[in-house]
């Protein structure tokens, strides 16, 4: 089972409360600037550099949900799960509708083996109308269920994620994998075909679909998909793979 661990970082820093100006040594402008710089470092996978910026403003921005979110991301990248959990919990205490923080809290708890707490965090994220990317939480919940051997529940969450965002490719791959594990190969093909229709730009998904068709002995259909890949994106790695398959079939 593939396991997705997305680092959710947004380019808008907002939702920060502030102490009165006379009690602060750092201006709001500097605070926002350092938050954006920390975000940049996190996007570049430089958590220590991000932490340096966040620590400078930690006291002044104590009531800023995004400060704690970024701290959670940084500590997770540094494999400090205890501090990451603490930071995410502070973020959701400041904003209970912070879906991204709930989702990431679930990821860290799952990585720590705290499965029940992880499930509750994902559920909280999925309950929020304000959460803009619920497909991530659905994918991660499905991953958690699969890790515990609860494949039917995993599939239900994977399908829920597809309903939330039909263009999110990992969910089609996840659903197909779960169906394959339970011996439902024809259904796996159906899911992958829907994914190929929803994301015609994904050559990787088409390769997976064609390979699934080969497993079912439907080679003629697989050949058609390989030919489409070569026609649509002849310079891609997937086109090279497709050409190799077609050569084998000759």
Foldseek 3Di string as FASTA:
>chain_A
DDADQDLDDDQDFDDFDFDDPVVDPDDPVLLVVLLNVLSVCLVVLNLVVSVVSLVVCCVGRVLRLSSLSSQLSSCVSVVNLVSNLVSLVSSCVSPVLPLSSLQNNLVSCVVVVVLVSSLVSLVSSCVHPPNLQNLSSLQNNLVSCVVVVNLVVSLVSLVVSCVSPVQPPVSLVVNLVSCVVVVNLVVNLVSLVSNCVSCVVDLVSLLVSLVSCVVVVNNVVSLVSLVVSCVPCVPDPSVVVSVVVVVVVD
